[in-house]
């Protein structure tokens, strides 16, 4: 039998935190007992653009669940995103997301290895 890891980061699905990055984050999975991956849900309000930032040593994947907007990665031009899209952000790459729609933009954020604040860099 393998070791079972039970995650209790956030048993309250309504709990979220407004970050300095200008988005609301709700941790779903982030545990030192499971260091290979973390999952969070991000909610960006209409008209909001997140702050430029990078996450060192961590790849991010966004799964767009609802809403629409644009994502900027590195020096590339902004790309439109909408529900059903996925986005890969290489480790250490500067990034930001803009909600240019009329409803919340909801993203699932999957980080490999797991997100750790020591790797986060604000670029503003």
C-alpha atoms as a PDB file:
ATOM      1  CA  UNK A   1       0.000   0.000   0.000  1.00  0.00           C
ATOM      2  CA  UNK A   2       1.256   3.508  -0.811  1.00  0.00           C
ATOM      3  CA  UNK A   3       1.312   6.379   1.626  1.00  0.00           C
ATOM      4  CA  UNK A   4      -1.884   8.405   1.499  1.00  0.00           C
ATOM      5  CA  UNK A   5      -1.486  12.183   1.602  1.00  0.00           C
ATOM      6  CA  UNK A   6      -4.554  14.025   2.811  1.00  0.00           C
ATOM      7  CA  UNK A   7      -4.546  17.709   2.016  1.00  0.00           C
ATOM      8  CA  UNK A   8      -6.379  20.088   4.321  1.00  0.00           C
ATOM      9  CA  UNK A   9      -5.021  23.408   2.983  1.00  0.00           C
ATOM     10  CA  UNK A  10      -8.478  24.787   2.404  1.00  0.00           C
ATOM     11  CA  UNK A  11     -11.603  22.893   3.338  1.00  0.00           C
ATOM     12  CA  UNK A  12     -13.694  26.045   2.882  1.00  0.00           C
ATOM     13  CA  UNK A  13     -14.325  26.430  -0.858  1.00  0.00           C
ATOM     14  CA  UNK A  14     -15.502  30.028  -0.383  1.00  0.00           C
ATOM     15  CA  UNK A  15     -12.219  31.135   1.244  1.00  0.00           C
ATOM     16  CA  UNK A  16      -9.985  33.272  -0.930  1.00  0.00           C
ATOM     17  CA  UNK A  17      -7.390  35.965  -0.373  1.00  0.00           C
ATOM     18  CA  UNK A  18      -6.922  39.184  -2.307  1.00  0.00           C
ATOM     19  CA  UNK A  19      -3.233  39.363  -3.201  1.00  0.00           C
ATOM     20  CA  UNK A  20      -0.930  42.304  -3.905  1.00  0.00           C
ATOM     21  CA  UNK A  21      -0.963  40.963  -7.451  1.00  0.00           C
ATOM     22  CA  UNK A  22      -4.590  42.252  -7.710  1.00  0.00           C
ATOM     23  CA  UNK A  23      -6.307  38.879  -7.929  1.00  0.00           C
ATOM     24  CA  UNK A  24      -8.174  36.650  -5.510  1.00  0.00           C
ATOM     25  CA  UNK A  25      -6.503  33.293  -4.775  1.00  0.00           C
ATOM     26  CA  UNK A  26      -7.981  30.186  -3.190  1.00  0.00           C
ATOM     27  CA  UNK A  27      -5.489  27.399  -2.469  1.00  0.00           C
ATOM     28  CA  UNK A  28      -6.811  23.971  -3.347  1.00  0.00           C
ATOM     29  CA  UNK A  29      -3.659  21.863  -2.956  1.00  0.00           C
ATOM     30  CA  UNK A  30      -0.281  23.023  -1.663  1.00  0.00           C
ATOM     31  CA  UNK A  31       1.550  20.767   0.758  1.00  0.00           C
ATOM     32  CA  UNK A  32       5.170  19.963   1.527  1.00  0.00           C
ATOM     33  CA  UNK A  33       3.978  16.361   1.731  1.00  0.00           C
ATOM     34  CA  UNK A  34       3.193  16.547  -2.023  1.00  0.00           C
ATOM     35  CA  UNK A  35       5.989  18.786  -3.379  1.00  0.00           C
ATOM     36  CA  UNK A  36       5.571  17.984  -7.073  1.00  0.00           C
ATOM     37  CA  UNK A  37       2.414  20.043  -7.686  1.00  0.00           C
ATOM     38  CA  UNK A  38       0.100  22.699  -6.301  1.00  0.00           C
ATOM     39  CA  UNK A  39      -3.314  23.856  -7.459  1.00  0.00           C
ATOM     40  CA  UNK A  40      -5.027  27.163  -6.778  1.00  0.00           C
ATOM     41  CA  UNK A  41      -7.982  29.000  -8.227  1.00  0.00           C
ATOM     42  CA  UNK A  42      -7.482  32.630  -9.262  1.00  0.00           C
ATOM     43  CA  UNK A  43     -10.335  35.098  -9.713  1.00  0.00           C
ATOM     44  CA  UNK A  44      -9.648  38.355 -11.540  1.00  0.00           C
ATOM     45  CA  UNK A  45     -12.371  40.987 -11.470  1.00  0.00           C
ATOM     46  CA  UNK A  46     -13.555  42.771 -14.644  1.00  0.00           C
ATOM     47  CA  UNK A  47     -11.216  45.568 -15.728  1.00  0.00           C
ATOM     48  CA  UNK A  48      -8.314  44.352 -13.558  1.00  0.00           C
ATOM     49  CA  UNK A  49      -4.817  43.586 -14.828  1.00  0.00           C
ATOM     50  CA  UNK A  50      -2.619  41.576 -12.491  1.00  0.00           C
ATOM     51  CA  UNK A  51       0.803  42.907 -11.549  1.00  0.00           C
ATOM     52  CA  UNK A  52       3.831  41.865 -13.570  1.00  0.00           C
ATOM     53  CA  UNK A  53       5.498  38.994 -11.728  1.00  0.00           C
ATOM     54  CA  UNK A  54       7.542  35.820 -12.188  1.00  0.00           C
ATOM     55  CA  UNK A  55       7.794  32.547 -10.311  1.00  0.00           C
ATOM     56  CA  UNK A  56      11.316  31.161 -10.208  1.00  0.00           C
ATOM     57  CA  UNK A  57      11.919  27.406 -10.547  1.00  0.00           C
ATOM     58  CA  UNK A  58       8.207  26.756 -11.115  1.00  0.00           C
ATOM     59  CA  UNK A  59       6.219  26.153 -14.289  1.00  0.00           C
ATOM     60  CA  UNK A  60       2.632  27.349 -14.228  1.00  0.00           C
ATOM     61  CA  UNK A  61      -0.324  26.139 -16.229  1.00  0.00           C
ATOM     62  CA  UNK A  62      -3.542  28.118 -16.355  1.00  0.00           C
ATOM     63  CA  UNK A  63      -6.806  26.404 -17.162  1.00  0.00           C
ATOM     64  CA  UNK A  64      -9.379  29.082 -17.968  1.00  0.00           C
ATOM     65  CA  UNK A  65     -12.670  28.059 -16.359  1.00  0.00           C
ATOM     66  CA  UNK A  66     -14.812  31.157 -16.961  1.00  0.00           C
ATOM     67  CA  UNK A  67     -14.594  34.628 -18.441  1.00  0.00           C
ATOM     68  CA  UNK A  68     -12.217  36.097 -20.964  1.00  0.00           C
ATOM     69  CA  UNK A  69      -9.131  38.249 -21.070  1.00  0.00           C
ATOM     70  CA  UNK A  70      -5.550  38.410 -22.242  1.00  0.00           C
ATOM     71  CA  UNK A  71      -2.309  36.913 -21.004  1.00  0.00           C
ATOM     72  CA  UNK A  72       1.139  38.444 -21.471  1.00  0.00           C
ATOM     73  CA  UNK A  73       4.186  36.199 -21.119  1.00  0.00           C
ATOM     74  CA  UNK A  74       7.692  37.551 -21.460  1.00  0.00           C
ATOM     75  CA  UNK A  75       7.947  40.181 -24.188  1.00  0.00           C
ATOM     76  CA  UNK A  76       5.367  38.514 -26.459  1.00  0.00           C
ATOM     77  CA  UNK A  77       2.231  40.379 -27.516  1.00  0.00           C
ATOM     78  CA  UNK A  78      -0.873  39.818 -25.400  1.00  0.00           C
ATOM     79  CA  UNK A  79      -2.834  36.709 -26.379  1.00  0.00           C
ATOM     80  CA  UNK A  80      -6.600  36.376 -25.892  1.00  0.00           C
ATOM     81  CA  UNK A  81      -7.819  33.714 -23.468  1.00  0.00           C
ATOM     82  CA  UNK A  82     -11.301  32.385 -22.765  1.00  0.00           C
ATOM     83  CA  UNK A  83     -13.030  29.502 -21.015  1.00  0.00           C
ATOM     84  CA  UNK A  84     -11.559  26.180 -22.143  1.00  0.00           C
ATOM     85  CA  UNK A  85      -8.097  27.560 -22.966  1.00  0.00           C
ATOM     86  CA  UNK A  86      -4.885  26.405 -21.303  1.00  0.00           C
ATOM     87  CA  UNK A  87      -1.703  28.453 -20.970  1.00  0.00           C
ATOM     88  CA  UNK A  88       1.838  27.280 -20.139  1.00  0.00           C
ATOM     89  CA  UNK A  89       4.135  29.751 -18.406  1.00  0.00           C
ATOM     90  CA  UNK A  90       7.771  28.629 -18.255  1.00  0.00           C
ATOM     91  CA  UNK A  91       9.618  28.911 -14.940  1.00  0.00           C
ATOM     92  CA  UNK A  92      10.956  32.399 -14.231  1.00  0.00           C
ATOM     93  CA  UNK A  93       9.073  34.063 -17.119  1.00  0.00           C
ATOM     94  CA  UNK A  94       7.453  37.448 -16.464  1.00  0.00           C
ATOM     95  CA  UNK A  95       3.684  37.381 -16.777  1.00  0.00           C
ATOM     96  CA  UNK A  96       0.410  39.142 -16.171  1.00  0.00           C
ATOM     97  CA  UNK A  97      -3.278  38.591 -16.975  1.00  0.00           C
ATOM     98  CA  UNK A  98      -5.934  41.150 -17.924  1.00  0.00           C
ATOM     99  CA  UNK A  99      -9.671  40.634 -17.510  1.00  0.00           C
ATOM    100  CA  UNK A 100     -11.181  42.625 -20.371  1.00  0.00           C
ATOM    101  CA  UNK A 101     -14.608  41.025 -20.027  1.00  0.00           C
ATOM    102  CA  UNK A 102     -17.726  41.900 -18.051  1.00  0.00           C
ATOM    103  CA  UNK A 103     -17.551  38.933 -15.673  1.00  0.00           C
ATOM    104  CA  UNK A 104     -14.939  37.439 -13.343  1.00  0.00           C
ATOM    105  CA  UNK A 105     -12.076  35.639 -15.077  1.00  0.00           C
ATOM    106  CA  UNK A 106     -11.550  32.310 -13.291  1.00  0.00           C
ATOM    107  CA  UNK A 107      -8.311  30.354 -13.739  1.00  0.00           C
ATOM    108  CA  UNK A 108      -7.130  27.101 -12.224  1.00  0.00           C
ATOM    109  CA  UNK A 109      -3.385  27.491 -11.623  1.00  0.00           C
ATOM    110  CA  UNK A 110      -1.341  24.293 -11.608  1.00  0.00           C
ATOM    111  CA  UNK A 111       2.283  24.742 -10.507  1.00  0.00           C
ATOM    112  CA  UNK A 112       5.085  22.218 -10.913  1.00  0.00           C
ATOM    113  CA  UNK A 113       6.819  21.842  -8.579  1.00  0.00           C
ATOM    114  CA  UNK A 114       4.433  23.280  -6.000  1.00  0.00           C
ATOM    115  CA  UNK A 115       4.172  27.047  -5.554  1.00  0.00           C
ATOM    116  CA  UNK A 116       6.323  28.466  -2.753  1.00  0.00           C
ATOM    117  CA  UNK A 117       6.346  32.170  -1.865  1.00  0.00           C
ATOM    118  CA  UNK A 118      10.157  32.226  -1.749  1.00  0.00           C
ATOM    119  CA  UNK A 119      10.080  31.766  -5.563  1.00  0.00           C
ATOM    120  CA  UNK A 120       7.651  34.617  -6.251  1.00  0.00           C
ATOM    121  CA  UNK A 121       9.086  37.842  -7.652  1.00  0.00           C
ATOM    122  CA  UNK A 122       7.083  41.041  -8.039  1.00  0.00           C
ATOM    123  CA  UNK A 123       8.276  42.947 -11.104  1.00  0.00           C
ATOM    124  CA  UNK A 124       6.423  46.196 -10.374  1.00  0.00           C
END
